[in-house]
Every structure is written in C-alpha cells, then in structure tokens.
Amino acid sequence: MEKPFRFKQFTVQQDRCAMKIGTDGVLLGSWVPISDATNSILDIGTGTGVIALMMAQRSFAETIDALEIDSDAYEQAVDNFETSGWSDRLFCYHASFQEFFQEIDDTYDLLISNPPFFTENYKTNDASRDVARFVDSLPFEHLLIGATHLLSEKGRLAIIIPYKEETKVVAIARKAGLFPHRITRVQGNPVSDIKRSMLLFGFDNVDFEIDQLIIENGRHQYTKPYIELTKEFYLKM
C-alpha cells in the first residue's frame, strides 16, 4: 500500500488517486493570495484534496468546497477531509466542473485549480489517470468561462499551467472577461527552462506583477524563496 504524504498539519492518503501529490499543487496552494477569501473557496479537480486542505490551513474561509469527477479520487478526498482538523469547513462534490457551474447558484471568493493539462494526442491504458492528466476532460475554455459564473464580484481564479500555454490561456481569459492580476513563472533550477506559470485572474483590468520562482540551486538545495513559500507545509522545510 502506498504511504500517505505527511504535511506539518495534515496527512494525505493517495493510494486511490491517479495523480499523486506533486510540486505543482503544493506550489499553487502556497502561492495563491487568500486575504480576500474570507467567505468561500472552491478547489476544482481536487484529486487527493491537498489544495483544499492547504486552503483550510491558510485561510479563515467559512466554506471550502472541492470538486472531483473521478469516483476513487472523490472518495479519497472525502476521507482526507474527514480525518483533518478542518472537517467542518471542507466539503467535496462528485461532479464535473461543467455540470457544477451550470447548476450551482453560489459564488466564491476564490477558485483554485491545478487543472489537467496534457494536450498531446496520446493516452495510456489507465482511464482515471487520463482524466486527471488530459485537458479534454476540462478544457481551459470551460474552466475560464465557468469561473466567470462562479466568482463573486471581487473573486479571483488561481491556476498553474505549463509555461508554453500561458499566452493562450491569458487570451482565452480576456475573451471570457477575466484579466491577469499576477503571474509567477517557475523554473526548476537557474539554468533550466521555465516549466510552469501560476496565474491569478480577476474581473478588474489592472496593472499586474510578473515574477519568477526558482525551486532549486542544485539537487535538493532549495532556494530561500521556495523554502519561504512552502515552509508551513513541508515537514523538511
């Protein structure tokens, strides 16, 4: 049986989830601004539930909802929520995002998603893993248009995507009526290519900051900014 992933304030079981805990989700959950998310947060495609649990640790939001389409992952997220210290604030829906945003009248202060983003034309023999990894189960267009239905007036959407998709996603967002409020580009080390973009969107068209985060100076030699960002979660930080 796969070992649980232990953070400083909670533990995540992940043996039933196609996509295991990785750097992307923890980065996004650590990076996203939560000062304005006082009422409600929605984690889209929660998987193990790790980002929703991070939001429960970091914020005082009364309601932290999560959404998961895969049955096994949904059940695992529910279990992880129930064994955490914030079970009274966490709730998981078993549904697709497309169904959810068309049926729910509530709005959220913050939407957060580590979405599926493999767009290449190949699949594996593992249907659950394909759903978790491939963009056709949640196209960026659906995510961004759905966000405009679910966000409160001052609400914001935070996502992490491949850097190569950044220009396209920002253009789709603008067409949907969402504008960048912050962009952080992520490098594995000082000489590697930029691999990820963390994007924060809102309805206001504002001047925004673009910055960069380098994870390591060398193998397991983490940079000070990365340690500072994730130290409330990782045991070894």
Protein backbone atom coordinates (compact mmCIF):
# COMPACT_ATOMS: atom_id res chain seq x y z
CA MET A 1 0.00 0.00 0.00
CA GLU A 2 1.24 3.46 -0.88
CA LYS A 3 2.50 5.54 2.03
CA PRO A 4 0.50 8.63 3.00
CA PHE A 5 2.02 12.04 2.36
CA ARG A 6 2.55 13.86 5.66
CA PHE A 7 2.50 17.62 5.90
CA LYS A 8 3.05 19.68 9.05
CA GLN A 9 -0.63 19.98 9.95
CA PHE A 10 -2.36 17.22 7.98
CA THR A 11 -1.82 13.87 6.26
CA VAL A 12 -2.99 12.91 2.79
CA GLN A 13 -3.74 9.35 1.69
CA GLN A 14 -3.26 9.00 -2.07
CA ASP A 15 -3.35 5.28 -2.90
CA ARG A 16 -6.70 5.57 -4.74
CA CYS A 17 -5.81 8.68 -6.76
CA ALA A 18 -4.47 8.53 -10.32
CA MET A 19 -2.44 11.71 -9.85
CA LYS A 20 -0.26 11.76 -6.76
CA ILE A 21 0.81 14.79 -4.78
CA GLY A 22 3.43 16.75 -6.69
CA THR A 23 5.21 20.08 -6.65
CA ASP A 24 2.58 21.87 -8.78
CA GLY A 25 -0.32 21.55 -6.35
CA VAL A 26 1.73 22.45 -3.29
CA LEU A 27 3.26 25.42 -5.09
CA LEU A 28 -0.15 26.76 -6.13
CA GLY A 29 -1.69 26.21 -2.69
CA SER A 30 1.22 28.04 -1.05
CA TRP A 31 1.37 30.90 -3.57
CA VAL A 32 -2.26 31.93 -4.02
CA PRO A 33 -3.26 35.12 -2.13
CA ILE A 34 -6.02 34.32 0.36
CA SER A 35 -6.52 37.61 2.24
CA ASP A 36 -9.77 38.38 0.36
CA ALA A 37 -11.10 34.80 0.50
CA THR A 38 -12.99 35.29 3.76
CA ASN A 39 -16.22 33.53 2.87
CA SER A 40 -15.82 30.71 0.34
CA ILE A 41 -13.20 28.86 -1.72
CA LEU A 42 -13.63 26.19 -4.42
CA ASP A 43 -10.86 23.74 -5.40
CA ILE A 44 -11.61 22.48 -8.93
CA GLY A 45 -10.38 18.95 -9.65
CA THR A 46 -9.25 18.35 -6.08
CA GLY A 47 -7.73 14.87 -6.54
CA THR A 48 -6.38 13.90 -3.12
CA GLY A 49 -7.85 17.10 -1.66
CA VAL A 50 -4.42 18.56 -0.91
CA ILE A 51 -5.08 22.10 -2.20
CA ALA A 52 -8.41 22.33 -0.35
CA LEU A 53 -6.64 21.18 2.83
CA MET A 54 -3.96 23.83 2.29
CA MET A 55 -6.69 26.44 1.92
CA ALA A 56 -8.24 25.26 5.19
CA GLN A 57 -4.88 25.62 6.95
CA ARG A 58 -4.06 29.03 5.46
CA SER A 59 -7.41 30.80 5.43
CA PHE A 60 -10.35 31.60 7.67
CA ALA A 61 -12.88 30.98 4.88
CA GLU A 62 -16.09 29.55 6.33
CA THR A 63 -16.70 27.23 3.37
CA ILE A 64 -14.07 25.33 1.41
CA ASP A 65 -15.66 23.25 -1.31
CA ALA A 66 -13.91 20.84 -3.64
CA LEU A 67 -14.92 19.22 -6.91
CA GLU A 68 -13.78 15.85 -8.26
CA ILE A 69 -15.09 13.83 -11.23
CA ASP A 70 -13.22 10.55 -10.59
CA SER A 71 -15.05 8.25 -8.12
CA ASP A 72 -11.97 6.85 -6.38
CA ALA A 73 -10.32 10.25 -6.04
CA TYR A 74 -13.59 11.75 -4.78
CA GLU A 75 -13.87 9.09 -2.05
CA GLN A 76 -10.24 9.55 -1.07
CA ALA A 77 -10.61 13.34 -0.85
CA VAL A 78 -13.68 12.92 1.37
CA ASP A 79 -11.71 10.60 3.67
CA ASN A 80 -8.78 13.02 3.78
CA PHE A 81 -11.12 15.88 4.67
CA GLU A 82 -12.83 13.88 7.42
CA THR A 83 -9.54 12.95 9.11
CA SER A 84 -8.23 16.52 9.03
CA GLY A 85 -8.69 19.15 11.70
CA TRP A 86 -10.96 21.19 9.42
CA SER A 87 -13.63 18.63 8.51
CA ASP A 88 -16.42 21.06 9.48
CA ARG A 89 -15.30 23.51 6.75
CA LEU A 90 -14.48 21.09 3.92
CA PHE A 91 -16.98 19.54 1.51
CA CYS A 92 -16.43 17.60 -1.73
CA TYR A 93 -18.84 17.35 -4.68
CA HIS A 94 -18.69 14.37 -7.04
CA ALA A 95 -19.34 16.05 -10.39
CA SER A 96 -17.69 17.52 -13.46
CA PHE A 97 -16.89 21.22 -13.43
CA GLN A 98 -19.13 21.70 -16.45
CA GLU A 99 -22.13 20.24 -14.59
CA PHE A 100 -21.28 22.11 -11.42
CA PHE A 101 -21.03 25.67 -12.72
CA GLN A 102 -24.28 25.33 -14.69
CA GLU A 103 -26.24 24.06 -11.68
CA ILE A 104 -24.82 25.99 -8.70
CA ASP A 105 -26.08 29.47 -7.87
CA ASP A 106 -23.48 30.16 -5.18
CA THR A 107 -20.43 32.31 -5.85
CA TYR A 108 -16.92 32.02 -4.42
CA ASP A 109 -14.26 34.49 -3.30
CA LEU A 110 -11.55 32.22 -4.70
CA LEU A 111 -11.43 29.46 -7.30
CA ILE A 112 -8.23 27.45 -7.38
CA SER A 113 -7.26 24.67 -9.77
CA ASN A 114 -4.30 22.53 -10.71
CA PRO A 115 -6.07 21.53 -13.93
CA PRO A 116 -5.35 18.65 -16.31
CA PHE A 117 -3.07 19.98 -18.99
CA PHE A 118 -1.55 17.26 -21.14
CA THR A 119 -2.78 18.18 -24.60
CA GLU A 120 -0.74 15.72 -26.69
CA ASN A 121 -2.56 13.10 -28.77
CA TYR A 122 -1.66 10.06 -26.74
CA LYS A 123 -3.38 8.23 -23.91
CA THR A 124 -2.46 5.47 -21.51
CA ASN A 125 -4.43 2.36 -20.60
CA ASP A 126 -5.38 3.95 -17.28
CA ALA A 127 -8.66 5.84 -17.78
CA SER A 128 -8.52 7.54 -14.34
CA ARG A 129 -5.01 8.81 -14.95
CA ASP A 130 -6.00 10.09 -18.39
CA VAL A 131 -8.92 12.05 -16.92
CA ALA A 132 -6.60 13.55 -14.30
CA ARG A 133 -3.88 14.45 -16.80
CA PHE A 134 -5.50 15.35 -20.11
CA VAL A 135 -7.06 18.67 -20.95
CA ASP A 136 -10.02 17.25 -22.89
CA SER A 137 -11.82 16.45 -19.59
CA LEU A 138 -11.60 20.14 -18.61
CA PRO A 139 -10.58 22.41 -21.50
CA PHE A 140 -9.13 25.78 -20.48
CA GLU A 141 -12.09 27.47 -22.20
CA HIS A 142 -14.55 25.62 -19.94
CA LEU A 143 -12.52 26.42 -16.84
CA LEU A 144 -12.30 30.13 -17.58
CA ILE A 145 -15.88 30.59 -18.77
CA GLY A 146 -17.17 28.57 -15.81
CA ALA A 147 -15.11 30.73 -13.48
CA THR A 148 -16.98 33.84 -14.62
CA HIS A 149 -20.23 32.19 -13.46
CA LEU A 150 -18.87 31.13 -10.06
CA LEU A 151 -16.74 34.07 -8.95
CA SER A 152 -18.08 36.78 -6.69
CA GLU A 153 -17.68 40.36 -7.93
CA LYS A 154 -14.19 40.71 -6.42
CA GLY A 155 -13.43 36.99 -6.59
CA ARG A 156 -10.31 35.60 -8.24
CA LEU A 157 -9.18 32.44 -10.02
CA ALA A 158 -5.73 30.89 -9.48
CA ILE A 159 -4.31 28.15 -11.73
CA ILE A 160 -0.97 26.53 -12.55
CA ILE A 161 -0.29 25.57 -16.17
CA PRO A 162 2.63 24.75 -18.49
CA TYR A 163 4.53 27.94 -19.35
CA LYS A 164 4.07 27.20 -23.07
CA GLU A 165 0.28 27.60 -22.59
CA GLU A 166 0.49 30.96 -20.78
CA THR A 167 -0.13 33.30 -23.75
CA LYS A 168 -3.05 31.20 -24.99
CA VAL A 169 -4.69 30.95 -21.55
CA VAL A 170 -4.37 34.69 -20.89
CA ALA A 171 -6.01 35.35 -24.28
CA ILE A 172 -8.88 32.94 -23.53
CA ALA A 173 -9.34 34.56 -20.12
CA ARG A 174 -9.57 38.05 -21.63
CA LYS A 175 -12.27 36.87 -24.05
CA ALA A 176 -14.18 35.46 -21.08
CA GLY A 177 -13.83 38.75 -19.17
CA LEU A 178 -11.02 37.79 -16.77
CA PHE A 179 -7.72 39.65 -16.57
CA PRO A 180 -4.32 38.74 -15.10
CA HIS A 181 -3.67 40.10 -11.60
CA ARG A 182 -0.36 38.28 -11.05
CA ILE A 183 1.87 35.85 -12.96
CA THR A 184 4.70 33.83 -11.43
CA ARG A 185 6.87 31.73 -13.75
CA VAL A 186 8.54 28.67 -12.26
CA GLN A 187 11.98 27.23 -13.04
CA GLY A 188 13.35 24.01 -11.60
CA ASN A 189 16.86 25.47 -11.31
CA PRO A 190 18.72 28.59 -12.56
CA VAL A 191 19.73 27.02 -15.89
CA SER A 192 16.57 25.05 -16.73
CA ASP A 193 13.76 26.29 -18.95
CA ILE A 194 10.68 27.90 -17.41
CA LYS A 195 8.24 24.99 -16.98
CA ARG A 196 5.17 26.37 -15.21
CA SER A 197 3.15 29.56 -14.91
CA MET A 198 1.00 30.35 -11.89
CA LEU A 199 -1.75 32.76 -12.92
CA LEU A 200 -4.14 34.84 -10.83
CA PHE A 201 -7.17 36.29 -12.64
CA GLY A 202 -9.94 38.69 -11.67
CA PHE A 203 -12.67 40.76 -13.32
CA ASP A 204 -10.78 44.09 -12.98
CA ASN A 205 -8.33 45.02 -15.72
CA VAL A 206 -5.37 46.14 -13.61
CA ASP A 207 -1.62 46.59 -13.87
CA PHE A 208 -0.12 43.33 -12.67
CA GLU A 209 3.16 41.89 -11.49
CA ILE A 210 5.18 39.22 -13.31
CA ASP A 211 7.84 37.50 -11.25
CA GLN A 212 9.86 34.31 -11.25
CA LEU A 213 10.44 31.49 -8.77
CA ILE A 214 13.40 29.10 -8.91
CA ILE A 215 12.90 25.90 -6.88
CA GLU A 216 16.46 24.58 -6.50
CA ASN A 217 20.01 25.91 -6.84
CA GLY A 218 21.19 22.28 -7.03
CA ARG A 219 19.82 18.83 -6.33
CA HIS A 220 17.75 19.17 -3.10
CA GLN A 221 19.38 22.57 -2.45
CA TYR A 222 16.18 24.59 -2.28
CA THR A 223 16.19 28.35 -2.81
CA LYS A 224 15.23 30.71 0.01
CA PRO A 225 12.11 31.97 -1.82
CA TYR A 226 10.88 28.38 -2.35
CA ILE A 227 11.55 27.45 1.29
CA GLU A 228 9.78 30.61 2.46
CA LEU A 229 6.79 29.85 0.25
CA THR A 230 6.30 26.21 1.33
CA LYS A 231 7.70 26.09 4.89
CA GLU A 232 4.25 25.98 6.53
CA PHE A 233 3.55 22.67 4.79
CA TYR A 234 6.59 20.53 4.04
CA LEU A 235 8.00 18.68 7.04
CA LYS A 236 11.61 19.19 5.98
CA MET A 237 11.37 22.92 5.26
